[in-house]
Amino acid sequence: LVERDPRLIFVPGHGDVVQALELGVPT
């Protein structure tokens, strides 16, 4: 395990997180 965040807040498209989350979460 390398990441554990119980409440990560971001706006997809703003570049705040890795691309897997940028692209995946909006689906």
mmCIF file of all heavy atoms, coordinates in Angstrom:
data_MODEL
# 
_entry.id   MODEL 
# 
loop_
_atom_site.group_PDB 
_atom_site.id 
_atom_site.type_symbol 
_atom_site.label_atom_id 
_atom_site.label_alt_id 
_atom_site.label_comp_id 
_atom_site.label_asym_id 
_atom_site.label_entity_id 
_atom_site.label_seq_id 
_atom_site.pdbx_PDB_ins_code 
_atom_site.Cartn_x 
_atom_site.Cartn_y 
_atom_site.Cartn_z 
_atom_site.occupancy 
_atom_site.B_iso_or_equiv 
_atom_site.pdbx_formal_charge 
_atom_site.auth_seq_id 
_atom_site.auth_comp_id 
_atom_site.auth_asym_id 
_atom_site.auth_atom_id 
_atom_site.pdbx_PDB_model_num 
ATOM 1   N N   . LEU A 1 1  ? 0.841   -1.194 0.000   1.00 0.00 ? 1  LEU A N   1 
ATOM 2   C CA  . LEU A 1 1  ? 0.000   0.000  0.000   1.00 0.00 ? 1  LEU A CA  1 
ATOM 3   C C   . LEU A 1 1  ? 0.874   1.240  0.000   1.00 0.00 ? 1  LEU A C   1 
ATOM 4   O O   . LEU A 1 1  ? 1.749   1.396  0.850   1.00 0.00 ? 1  LEU A O   1 
ATOM 5   C CB  . LEU A 1 1  ? -0.910  -0.011 1.232   1.00 0.00 ? 1  LEU A CB  1 
ATOM 6   C CG  . LEU A 1 1  ? -2.076  0.973  1.240   1.00 0.00 ? 1  LEU A CG  1 
ATOM 7   C CD1 . LEU A 1 1  ? -3.073  0.636  0.151   1.00 0.00 ? 1  LEU A CD1 1 
ATOM 8   C CD2 . LEU A 1 1  ? -2.769  0.958  2.599   1.00 0.00 ? 1  LEU A CD2 1 
ATOM 9   N N   . VAL A 1 2  ? 0.647   2.139  -0.950  1.00 0.00 ? 2  VAL A N   1 
ATOM 10  C CA  . VAL A 1 2  ? 1.450   3.360  -1.032  1.00 0.00 ? 2  VAL A CA  1 
ATOM 11  C C   . VAL A 1 2  ? 0.608   4.613  -0.826  1.00 0.00 ? 2  VAL A C   1 
ATOM 12  O O   . VAL A 1 2  ? 1.150   5.690  -0.594  1.00 0.00 ? 2  VAL A O   1 
ATOM 13  C CB  . VAL A 1 2  ? 2.195   3.455  -2.384  1.00 0.00 ? 2  VAL A CB  1 
ATOM 14  C CG1 . VAL A 1 2  ? 3.248   2.364  -2.490  1.00 0.00 ? 2  VAL A CG1 1 
ATOM 15  C CG2 . VAL A 1 2  ? 1.232   3.402  -3.558  1.00 0.00 ? 2  VAL A CG2 1 
ATOM 16  N N   . GLU A 1 3  ? -0.707  4.491  -0.956  1.00 0.00 ? 3  GLU A N   1 
ATOM 17  C CA  . GLU A 1 3  ? -1.577  5.650  -0.765  1.00 0.00 ? 3  GLU A CA  1 
ATOM 18  C C   . GLU A 1 3  ? -2.809  5.242  0.038   1.00 0.00 ? 3  GLU A C   1 
ATOM 19  O O   . GLU A 1 3  ? -3.400  4.182  -0.209  1.00 0.00 ? 3  GLU A O   1 
ATOM 20  C CB  . GLU A 1 3  ? -2.029  6.231  -2.102  1.00 0.00 ? 3  GLU A CB  1 
ATOM 21  C CG  . GLU A 1 3  ? -0.985  7.045  -2.821  1.00 0.00 ? 3  GLU A CG  1 
ATOM 22  C CD  . GLU A 1 3  ? -1.605  7.918  -3.897  1.00 0.00 ? 3  GLU A CD  1 
ATOM 23  O OE1 . GLU A 1 3  ? -2.310  8.881  -3.548  1.00 0.00 ? 3  GLU A OE1 1 
ATOM 24  O OE2 . GLU A 1 3  ? -1.374  7.626  -5.071  1.00 0.00 ? 3  GLU A OE2 1 
ATOM 25  N N   . ARG A 1 4  ? -3.174  6.086  0.980   1.00 0.00 ? 4  ARG A N   1 
ATOM 26  C CA  . ARG A 1 4  ? -4.420  5.894  1.720   1.00 0.00 ? 4  ARG A CA  1 
ATOM 27  C C   . ARG A 1 4  ? -4.934  7.274  2.097   1.00 0.00 ? 4  ARG A C   1 
ATOM 28  O O   . ARG A 1 4  ? -4.312  7.981  2.892   1.00 0.00 ? 4  ARG A O   1 
ATOM 29  C CB  . ARG A 1 4  ? -4.196  5.054  2.991   1.00 0.00 ? 4  ARG A CB  1 
ATOM 30  C CG  . ARG A 1 4  ? -5.492  4.776  3.773   1.00 0.00 ? 4  ARG A CG  1 
ATOM 31  C CD  . ARG A 1 4  ? -5.177  4.304  5.193   1.00 0.00 ? 4  ARG A CD  1 
ATOM 32  N NE  . ARG A 1 4  ? -4.424  3.070  5.205   1.00 0.00 ? 4  ARG A NE  1 
ATOM 33  C CZ  . ARG A 1 4  ? -4.986  1.860  5.205   1.00 0.00 ? 4  ARG A CZ  1 
ATOM 34  N NH1 . ARG A 1 4  ? -6.295  1.747  5.195   1.00 0.00 ? 4  ARG A NH1 1 
ATOM 35  N NH2 . ARG A 1 4  ? -4.231  0.778  5.232   1.00 0.00 ? 4  ARG A NH2 1 
ATOM 36  N N   . ASP A 1 5  ? -6.040  7.678  1.494   1.00 0.00 ? 5  ASP A N   1 
ATOM 37  C CA  . ASP A 1 5  ? -6.632  8.977  1.793   1.00 0.00 ? 5  ASP A CA  1 
ATOM 38  C C   . ASP A 1 5  ? -8.131  8.787  1.966   1.00 0.00 ? 5  ASP A C   1 
ATOM 39  O O   . ASP A 1 5  ? -8.844  8.465  1.008   1.00 0.00 ? 5  ASP A O   1 
ATOM 40  C CB  . ASP A 1 5  ? -6.358  9.969  0.668   1.00 0.00 ? 5  ASP A CB  1 
ATOM 41  C CG  . ASP A 1 5  ? -6.614  11.414 1.093   1.00 0.00 ? 5  ASP A CG  1 
ATOM 42  O OD1 . ASP A 1 5  ? -7.568  11.643 1.866   1.00 0.00 ? 5  ASP A OD1 1 
ATOM 43  O OD2 . ASP A 1 5  ? -5.870  12.303 0.650   1.00 0.00 ? 5  ASP A OD2 1 
ATOM 44  N N   . PRO A 1 6  ? -8.638  8.972  3.196   1.00 0.00 ? 6  PRO A N   1 
ATOM 45  C CA  . PRO A 1 6  ? -10.063 8.741  3.425   1.00 0.00 ? 6  PRO A CA  1 
ATOM 46  C C   . PRO A 1 6  ? -10.963 9.790  2.789   1.00 0.00 ? 6  PRO A C   1 
ATOM 47  O O   . PRO A 1 6  ? -12.154 9.546  2.610   1.00 0.00 ? 6  PRO A O   1 
ATOM 48  C CB  . PRO A 1 6  ? -10.181 8.772  4.951   1.00 0.00 ? 6  PRO A CB  1 
ATOM 49  C CG  . PRO A 1 6  ? -9.026  9.595  5.401   1.00 0.00 ? 6  PRO A CG  1 
ATOM 50  C CD  . PRO A 1 6  ? -7.929  9.332  4.431   1.00 0.00 ? 6  PRO A CD  1 
ATOM 51  N N   . ARG A 1 7  ? -10.413 10.964 2.450   1.00 0.00 ? 7  ARG A N   1 
ATOM 52  C CA  . ARG A 1 7  ? -11.232 12.007 1.819   1.00 0.00 ? 7  ARG A CA  1 
ATOM 53  C C   . ARG A 1 7  ? -10.325 12.944 1.002   1.00 0.00 ? 7  ARG A C   1 
ATOM 54  O O   . ARG A 1 7  ? -9.926  13.989 1.477   1.00 0.00 ? 7  ARG A O   1 
ATOM 55  C CB  . ARG A 1 7  ? -12.021 12.785 2.866   1.00 0.00 ? 7  ARG A CB  1 
ATOM 56  C CG  . ARG A 1 7  ? -13.162 13.613 2.266   1.00 0.00 ? 7  ARG A CG  1 
ATOM 57  C CD  . ARG A 1 7  ? -14.059 14.212 3.345   1.00 0.00 ? 7  ARG A CD  1 
ATOM 58  N NE  . ARG A 1 7  ? -15.227 14.841 2.752   1.00 0.00 ? 7  ARG A NE  1 
ATOM 59  C CZ  . ARG A 1 7  ? -16.353 14.232 2.419   1.00 0.00 ? 7  ARG A CZ  1 
ATOM 60  N NH1 . ARG A 1 7  ? -16.461 12.925 2.647   1.00 0.00 ? 7  ARG A NH1 1 
ATOM 61  N NH2 . ARG A 1 7  ? -17.372 14.879 1.887   1.00 0.00 ? 7  ARG A NH2 1 
ATOM 62  N N   . LEU A 1 8  ? -10.048 12.541 -0.204  1.00 0.00 ? 8  LEU A N   1 
ATOM 63  C CA  . LEU A 1 8  ? -9.261  13.352 -1.117  1.00 0.00 ? 8  LEU A CA  1 
ATOM 64  C C   . LEU A 1 8  ? -10.221 14.252 -1.901  1.00 0.00 ? 8  LEU A C   1 
ATOM 65  O O   . LEU A 1 8  ? -11.179 13.770 -2.513  1.00 0.00 ? 8  LEU A O   1 
ATOM 66  C CB  . LEU A 1 8  ? -8.469  12.457 -2.067  1.00 0.00 ? 8  LEU A CB  1 
ATOM 67  C CG  . LEU A 1 8  ? -7.672  13.149 -3.174  1.00 0.00 ? 8  LEU A CG  1 
ATOM 68  C CD1 . LEU A 1 8  ? -6.584  14.039 -2.597  1.00 0.00 ? 8  LEU A CD1 1 
ATOM 69  C CD2 . LEU A 1 8  ? -7.082  12.113 -4.121  1.00 0.00 ? 8  LEU A CD2 1 
ATOM 70  N N   . ILE A 1 9  ? -9.969  15.551 -1.899  1.00 0.00 ? 9  ILE A N   1 
ATOM 71  C CA  . ILE A 1 9  ? -10.842 16.522 -2.563  1.00 0.00 ? 9  ILE A CA  1 
ATOM 72  C C   . ILE A 1 9  ? -10.073 17.153 -3.723  1.00 0.00 ? 9  ILE A C   1 
ATOM 73  O O   . ILE A 1 9  ? -8.948  17.641 -3.543  1.00 0.00 ? 9  ILE A O   1 
ATOM 74  C CB  . ILE A 1 9  ? -11.303 17.606 -1.567  1.00 0.00 ? 9  ILE A CB  1 
ATOM 75  C CG1 . ILE A 1 9  ? -12.075 16.967 -0.407  1.00 0.00 ? 9  ILE A CG1 1 
ATOM 76  C CG2 . ILE A 1 9  ? -12.172 18.647 -2.258  1.00 0.00 ? 9  ILE A CG2 1 
ATOM 77  C CD1 . ILE A 1 9  ? -12.392 17.940 0.721   1.00 0.00 ? 9  ILE A CD1 1 
ATOM 78  N N   . PHE A 1 10 ? -10.684 17.153 -4.918  1.00 0.00 ? 10 PHE A N   1 
ATOM 79  C CA  . PHE A 1 10 ? -10.022 17.775 -6.069  1.00 0.00 ? 10 PHE A CA  1 
ATOM 80  C C   . PHE A 1 10 ? -11.064 18.083 -7.144  1.00 0.00 ? 10 PHE A C   1 
ATOM 81  O O   . PHE A 1 10 ? -12.217 17.631 -7.083  1.00 0.00 ? 10 PHE A O   1 
ATOM 82  C CB  . PHE A 1 10 ? -8.923  16.874 -6.629  1.00 0.00 ? 10 PHE A CB  1 
ATOM 83  C CG  . PHE A 1 10 ? -9.400  15.564 -7.229  1.00 0.00 ? 10 PHE A CG  1 
ATOM 84  C CD1 . PHE A 1 10 ? -9.584  15.441 -8.601  1.00 0.00 ? 10 PHE A CD1 1 
ATOM 85  C CD2 . PHE A 1 10 ? -9.639  14.466 -6.425  1.00 0.00 ? 10 PHE A CD2 1 
ATOM 86  C CE1 . PHE A 1 10 ? -10.011 14.246 -9.158  1.00 0.00 ? 10 PHE A CE1 1 
ATOM 87  C CE2 . PHE A 1 10 ? -10.079 13.261 -6.975  1.00 0.00 ? 10 PHE A CE2 1 
ATOM 88  C CZ  . PHE A 1 10 ? -10.263 13.153 -8.349  1.00 0.00 ? 10 PHE A CZ  1 
ATOM 89  N N   . VAL A 1 11 ? -10.653 18.881 -8.112  1.00 0.00 ? 11 VAL A N   1 
ATOM 90  C CA  . VAL A 1 11 ? -11.483 19.193 -9.279  1.00 0.00 ? 11 VAL A CA  1 
ATOM 91  C C   . VAL A 1 11 ? -10.850 18.494 -10.476 1.00 0.00 ? 11 VAL A C   1 
ATOM 92  O O   . VAL A 1 11 ? -9.727  18.835 -10.866 1.00 0.00 ? 11 VAL A O   1 
ATOM 93  C CB  . VAL A 1 11 ? -11.562 20.716 -9.521  1.00 0.00 ? 11 VAL A CB  1 
ATOM 94  C CG1 . VAL A 1 11 ? -12.385 21.007 -10.781 1.00 0.00 ? 11 VAL A CG1 1 
ATOM 95  C CG2 . VAL A 1 11 ? -12.168 21.429 -8.320  1.00 0.00 ? 11 VAL A CG2 1 
ATOM 96  N N   . PRO A 1 12 ? -11.507 17.504 -11.062 1.00 0.00 ? 12 PRO A N   1 
ATOM 97  C CA  . PRO A 1 12 ? -10.921 16.851 -12.239 1.00 0.00 ? 12 PRO A CA  1 
ATOM 98  C C   . PRO A 1 12 ? -10.606 17.863 -13.332 1.00 0.00 ? 12 PRO A C   1 
ATOM 99  O O   . PRO A 1 12 ? -11.402 18.753 -13.640 1.00 0.00 ? 12 PRO A O   1 
ATOM 100 C CB  . PRO A 1 12 ? -12.041 15.890 -12.687 1.00 0.00 ? 12 PRO A CB  1 
ATOM 101 C CG  . PRO A 1 12 ? -12.789 15.571 -11.425 1.00 0.00 ? 12 PRO A CG  1 
ATOM 102 C CD  . PRO A 1 12 ? -12.774 16.866 -10.647 1.00 0.00 ? 12 PRO A CD  1 
ATOM 103 N N   . GLY A 1 13 ? -9.405  17.722 -13.893 1.00 0.00 ? 13 GLY A N   1 
ATOM 104 C CA  . GLY A 1 13 ? -8.954  18.650 -14.911 1.00 0.00 ? 13 GLY A CA  1 
ATOM 105 C C   . GLY A 1 13 ? -8.014  19.722 -14.400 1.00 0.00 ? 13 GLY A C   1 
ATOM 106 O O   . GLY A 1 13 ? -7.379  20.404 -15.192 1.00 0.00 ? 13 GLY A O   1 
ATOM 107 N N   . HIS A 1 14 ? -7.927  19.868 -13.067 1.00 0.00 ? 14 HIS A N   1 
ATOM 108 C CA  . HIS A 1 14 ? -7.041  20.887 -12.506 1.00 0.00 ? 14 HIS A CA  1 
ATOM 109 C C   . HIS A 1 14 ? -5.614  20.385 -12.291 1.00 0.00 ? 14 HIS A C   1 
ATOM 110 O O   . HIS A 1 14 ? -4.748  21.162 -11.904 1.00 0.00 ? 14 HIS A O   1 
ATOM 111 C CB  . HIS A 1 14 ? -7.609  21.386 -11.170 1.00 0.00 ? 14 HIS A CB  1 
ATOM 112 C CG  . HIS A 1 14 ? -8.679  22.417 -11.331 1.00 0.00 ? 14 HIS A CG  1 
ATOM 113 N ND1 . HIS A 1 14 ? -9.160  23.171 -10.291 1.00 0.00 ? 14 HIS A ND1 1 
ATOM 114 C CD2 . HIS A 1 14 ? -9.355  22.821 -12.429 1.00 0.00 ? 14 HIS A CD2 1 
ATOM 115 C CE1 . HIS A 1 14 ? -10.100 23.992 -10.741 1.00 0.00 ? 14 HIS A CE1 1 
ATOM 116 N NE2 . HIS A 1 14 ? -10.234 23.798 -12.025 1.00 0.00 ? 14 HIS A NE2 1 
ATOM 117 N N   . GLY A 1 15 ? -5.363  19.116 -12.514 1.00 0.00 ? 15 GLY A N   1 
ATOM 118 C CA  . GLY A 1 15 ? -4.009  18.602 -12.354 1.00 0.00 ? 15 GLY A CA  1 
ATOM 119 C C   . GLY A 1 15 ? -3.595  18.387 -10.913 1.00 0.00 ? 15 GLY A C   1 
ATOM 120 O O   . GLY A 1 15 ? -2.402  18.324 -10.619 1.00 0.00 ? 15 GLY A O   1 
ATOM 121 N N   . ASP A 1 16 ? -4.560  18.267 -10.007 1.00 0.00 ? 16 ASP A N   1 
ATOM 122 C CA  . ASP A 1 16 ? -4.225  18.114 -8.588  1.00 0.00 ? 16 ASP A CA  1 
ATOM 123 C C   . ASP A 1 16 ? -3.895  16.678 -8.209  1.00 0.00 ? 16 ASP A C   1 
ATOM 124 O O   . ASP A 1 16 ? -3.376  16.442 -7.113  1.00 0.00 ? 16 ASP A O   1 
ATOM 125 C CB  . ASP A 1 16 ? -5.394  18.590 -7.716  1.00 0.00 ? 16 ASP A CB  1 
ATOM 126 C CG  . ASP A 1 16 ? -5.619  20.087 -7.814  1.00 0.00 ? 16 ASP A CG  1 
ATOM 127 O OD1 . ASP A 1 16 ? -4.645  20.793 -8.131  1.00 0.00 ? 16 ASP A OD1 1 
ATOM 128 O OD2 . ASP A 1 16 ? -6.740  20.535 -7.578  1.00 0.00 ? 16 ASP A OD2 1 
ATOM 129 N N   . VAL A 1 17 ? -4.231  15.709 -9.054  1.00 0.00 ? 17 VAL A N   1 
ATOM 130 C CA  . VAL A 1 17 ? -4.038  14.293 -8.739  1.00 0.00 ? 17 VAL A CA  1 
ATOM 131 C C   . VAL A 1 17 ? -3.469  13.599 -9.969  1.00 0.00 ? 17 VAL A C   1 
ATOM 132 O O   . VAL A 1 17 ? -3.362  14.188 -11.055 1.00 0.00 ? 17 VAL A O   1 
ATOM 133 C CB  . VAL A 1 17 ? -5.370  13.627 -8.322  1.00 0.00 ? 17 VAL A CB  1 
ATOM 134 C CG1 . VAL A 1 17 ? -5.886  14.206 -7.010  1.00 0.00 ? 17 VAL A CG1 1 
ATOM 135 C CG2 . VAL A 1 17 ? -6.429  13.777 -9.407  1.00 0.00 ? 17 VAL A CG2 1 
ATOM 136 N N   . VAL A 1 18 ? -3.107  12.324 -9.813  1.00 0.00 ? 18 VAL A N   1 
ATOM 137 C CA  . VAL A 1 18 ? -2.568  11.561 -10.946 1.00 0.00 ? 18 VAL A CA  1 
ATOM 138 C C   . VAL A 1 18 ? -3.649  11.402 -12.014 1.00 0.00 ? 18 VAL A C   1 
ATOM 139 O O   . VAL A 1 18 ? -4.852  11.473 -11.741 1.00 0.00 ? 18 VAL A O   1 
ATOM 140 C CB  . VAL A 1 18 ? -2.041  10.188 -10.493 1.00 0.00 ? 18 VAL A CB  1 
ATOM 141 C CG1 . VAL A 1 18 ? -0.880  10.340 -9.528  1.00 0.00 ? 18 VAL A CG1 1 
ATOM 142 C CG2 . VAL A 1 18 ? -3.154  9.344  -9.874  1.00 0.00 ? 18 VAL A CG2 1 
ATOM 143 N N   . GLN A 1 19 ? -3.225  11.142 -13.238 1.00 0.00 ? 19 GLN A N   1 
ATOM 144 C CA  . GLN A 1 19 ? -4.155  11.102 -14.363 1.00 0.00 ? 19 GLN A CA  1 
ATOM 145 C C   . GLN A 1 19 ? -5.168  9.976  -14.249 1.00 0.00 ? 19 GLN A C   1 
ATOM 146 O O   . GLN A 1 19 ? -6.291  10.101 -14.748 1.00 0.00 ? 19 GLN A O   1 
ATOM 147 C CB  . GLN A 1 19 ? -3.389  10.973 -15.675 1.00 0.00 ? 19 GLN A CB  1 
ATOM 148 C CG  . GLN A 1 19 ? -2.866  12.303 -16.206 1.00 0.00 ? 19 GLN A CG  1 
ATOM 149 C CD  . GLN A 1 19 ? -2.453  12.182 -17.662 1.00 0.00 ? 19 GLN A CD  1 
ATOM 150 O OE1 . GLN A 1 19 ? -1.691  11.300 -18.023 1.00 0.00 ? 19 GLN A OE1 1 
ATOM 151 N NE2 . GLN A 1 19 ? -2.946  13.074 -18.485 1.00 0.00 ? 19 GLN A NE2 1 
ATOM 152 N N   . ALA A 1 20 ? -4.798  8.876  -13.601 1.00 0.00 ? 20 ALA A N   1 
ATOM 153 C CA  . ALA A 1 20 ? -5.757  7.781  -13.437 1.00 0.00 ? 20 ALA A CA  1 
ATOM 154 C C   . ALA A 1 20 ? -7.008  8.261  -12.718 1.00 0.00 ? 20 ALA A C   1 
ATOM 155 O O   . ALA A 1 20 ? -8.129  7.888  -13.079 1.00 0.00 ? 20 ALA A O   1 
ATOM 156 C CB  . ALA A 1 20 ? -5.113  6.629  -12.663 1.00 0.00 ? 20 ALA A CB  1 
ATOM 157 N N   . LEU A 1 21 ? -6.833  9.101  -11.712 1.00 0.00 ? 21 LEU A N   1 
ATOM 158 C CA  . LEU A 1 21 ? -7.985  9.636  -10.987 1.00 0.00 ? 21 LEU A CA  1 
ATOM 159 C C   . LEU A 1 21 ? -8.654  10.757 -11.779 1.00 0.00 ? 21 LEU A C   1 
ATOM 160 O O   . LEU A 1 21 ? -9.881  10.883 -11.784 1.00 0.00 ? 21 LEU A O   1 
ATOM 161 C CB  . LEU A 1 21 ? -7.551  10.134 -9.612  1.00 0.00 ? 21 LEU A CB  1 
ATOM 162 C CG  . LEU A 1 21 ? -6.897  9.104  -8.700  1.00 0.00 ? 21 LEU A CG  1 
ATOM 163 C CD1 . LEU A 1 21 ? -6.578  9.717  -7.336  1.00 0.00 ? 21 LEU A CD1 1 
ATOM 164 C CD2 . LEU A 1 21 ? -7.795  7.880  -8.523  1.00 0.00 ? 21 LEU A CD2 1 
ATOM 165 N N   . GLU A 1 22 ? -7.859  11.602 -12.449 1.00 0.00 ? 22 GLU A N   1 
ATOM 166 C CA  . GLU A 1 22 ? -8.421  12.678 -13.276 1.00 0.00 ? 22 GLU A CA  1 
ATOM 167 C C   . GLU A 1 22 ? -9.382  12.105 -14.321 1.00 0.00 ? 22 GLU A C   1 
ATOM 168 O O   . GLU A 1 22 ? -10.444 12.672 -14.583 1.00 0.00 ? 22 GLU A O   1 
ATOM 169 C CB  . GLU A 1 22 ? -7.292  13.420 -14.002 1.00 0.00 ? 22 GLU A CB  1 
ATOM 170 C CG  . GLU A 1 22 ? -6.389  14.240 -13.112 1.00 0.00 ? 22 GLU A CG  1 
ATOM 171 C CD  . GLU A 1 22 ? -6.813  15.697 -13.065 1.00 0.00 ? 22 GLU A CD  1 
ATOM 172 O OE1 . GLU A 1 22 ? -7.909  16.021 -13.515 1.00 0.00 ? 22 GLU A OE1 1 
ATOM 173 O OE2 . GLU A 1 22 ? -6.013  16.502 -12.563 1.00 0.00 ? 22 GLU A OE2 1 
ATOM 174 N N   . LEU A 1 23 ? -8.993  10.986 -14.932 1.00 0.00 ? 23 LEU A N   1 
ATOM 175 C CA  . LEU A 1 23 ? -9.777  10.406 -16.011 1.00 0.00 ? 23 LEU A CA  1 
ATOM 176 C C   . LEU A 1 23 ? -10.846 9.447  -15.512 1.00 0.00 ? 23 LEU A C   1 
ATOM 177 O O   . LEU A 1 23 ? -11.923 9.327  -16.107 1.00 0.00 ? 23 LEU A O   1 
ATOM 178 C CB  . LEU A 1 23 ? -8.850  9.663  -16.985 1.00 0.00 ? 23 LEU A CB  1 
ATOM 179 C CG  . LEU A 1 23 ? -7.784  10.508 -17.684 1.00 0.00 ? 23 LEU A CG  1 
ATOM 180 C CD1 . LEU A 1 23 ? -6.821  9.613  -18.464 1.00 0.00 ? 23 LEU A CD1 1 
ATOM 181 C CD2 . LEU A 1 23 ? -8.430  11.510 -18.622 1.00 0.00 ? 23 LEU A CD2 1 
ATOM 182 N N   . GLY A 1 24 ? -10.550 8.757  -14.426 1.00 0.00 ? 24 GLY A N   1 
ATOM 183 C CA  . GLY A 1 24 ? -11.458 7.707  -13.969 1.00 0.00 ? 24 GLY A CA  1 
ATOM 184 C C   . GLY A 1 24 ? -12.635 8.197  -13.151 1.00 0.00 ? 24 GLY A C   1 
ATOM 185 O O   . GLY A 1 24 ? -13.773 7.735  -13.337 1.00 0.00 ? 24 GLY A O   1 
ATOM 186 N N   . VAL A 1 25 ? -12.385 9.123  -12.233 1.00 0.00 ? 25 VAL A N   1 
ATOM 187 C CA  . VAL A 1 25 ? -13.453 9.540  -11.319 1.00 0.00 ? 25 VAL A CA  1 
ATOM 188 C C   . VAL A 1 25 ? -14.646 10.154 -12.055 1.00 0.00 ? 25 VAL A C   1 
ATOM 189 O O   . VAL A 1 25 ? -15.792 9.910  -11.671 1.00 0.00 ? 25 VAL A O   1 
ATOM 190 C CB  . VAL A 1 25 ? -12.882 10.491 -10.242 1.00 0.00 ? 25 VAL A CB  1 
ATOM 191 C CG1 . VAL A 1 25 ? -13.996 11.123 -9.420  1.00 0.00 ? 25 VAL A CG1 1 
ATOM 192 C CG2 . VAL A 1 25 ? -11.931 9.716  -9.324  1.00 0.00 ? 25 VAL A CG2 1 
ATOM 193 N N   . PRO A 1 26 ? -14.456 10.954 -13.134 1.00 0.00 ? 26 PRO A N   1 
ATOM 194 C CA  . PRO A 1 26 ? -15.632 11.492 -13.826 1.00 0.00 ? 26 PRO A CA  1 
ATOM 195 C C   . PRO A 1 26 ? -16.543 10.438 -14.448 1.00 0.00 ? 26 PRO A C   1 
ATOM 196 O O   . PRO A 1 26 ? -17.657 10.764 -14.863 1.00 0.00 ? 26 PRO A O   1 
ATOM 197 C CB  . PRO A 1 26 ? -15.023 12.387 -14.912 1.00 0.00 ? 26 PRO A CB  1 
ATOM 198 C CG  . PRO A 1 26 ? -13.711 12.818 -14.337 1.00 0.00 ? 26 PRO A CG  1 
ATOM 199 C CD  . PRO A 1 26 ? -13.216 11.588 -13.619 1.00 0.00 ? 26 PRO A CD  1 
ATOM 200 N N   . THR A 1 27 ? -16.100 9.166  -14.531 1.00 0.00 ? 27 THR A N   1 
ATOM 201 C CA  . THR A 1 27 ? -16.962 8.110  -15.060 1.00 0.00 ? 27 THR A CA  1 
ATOM 202 C C   . THR A 1 27 ? -17.816 7.477  -13.969 1.00 0.00 ? 27 THR A C   1 
ATOM 203 O O   . THR A 1 27 ? -18.640 6.606  -14.272 1.00 0.00 ? 27 THR A O   1 
ATOM 204 C CB  . THR A 1 27 ? -16.122 7.002  -15.720 1.00 0.00 ? 27 THR A CB  1 
ATOM 205 O OG1 . THR A 1 27 ? -15.413 6.266  -14.705 1.00 0.00 ? 27 THR A OG1 1 
ATOM 206 C CG2 . THR A 1 27 ? -15.120 7.586  -16.711 1.00 0.00 ? 27 THR A CG2 1 
# 
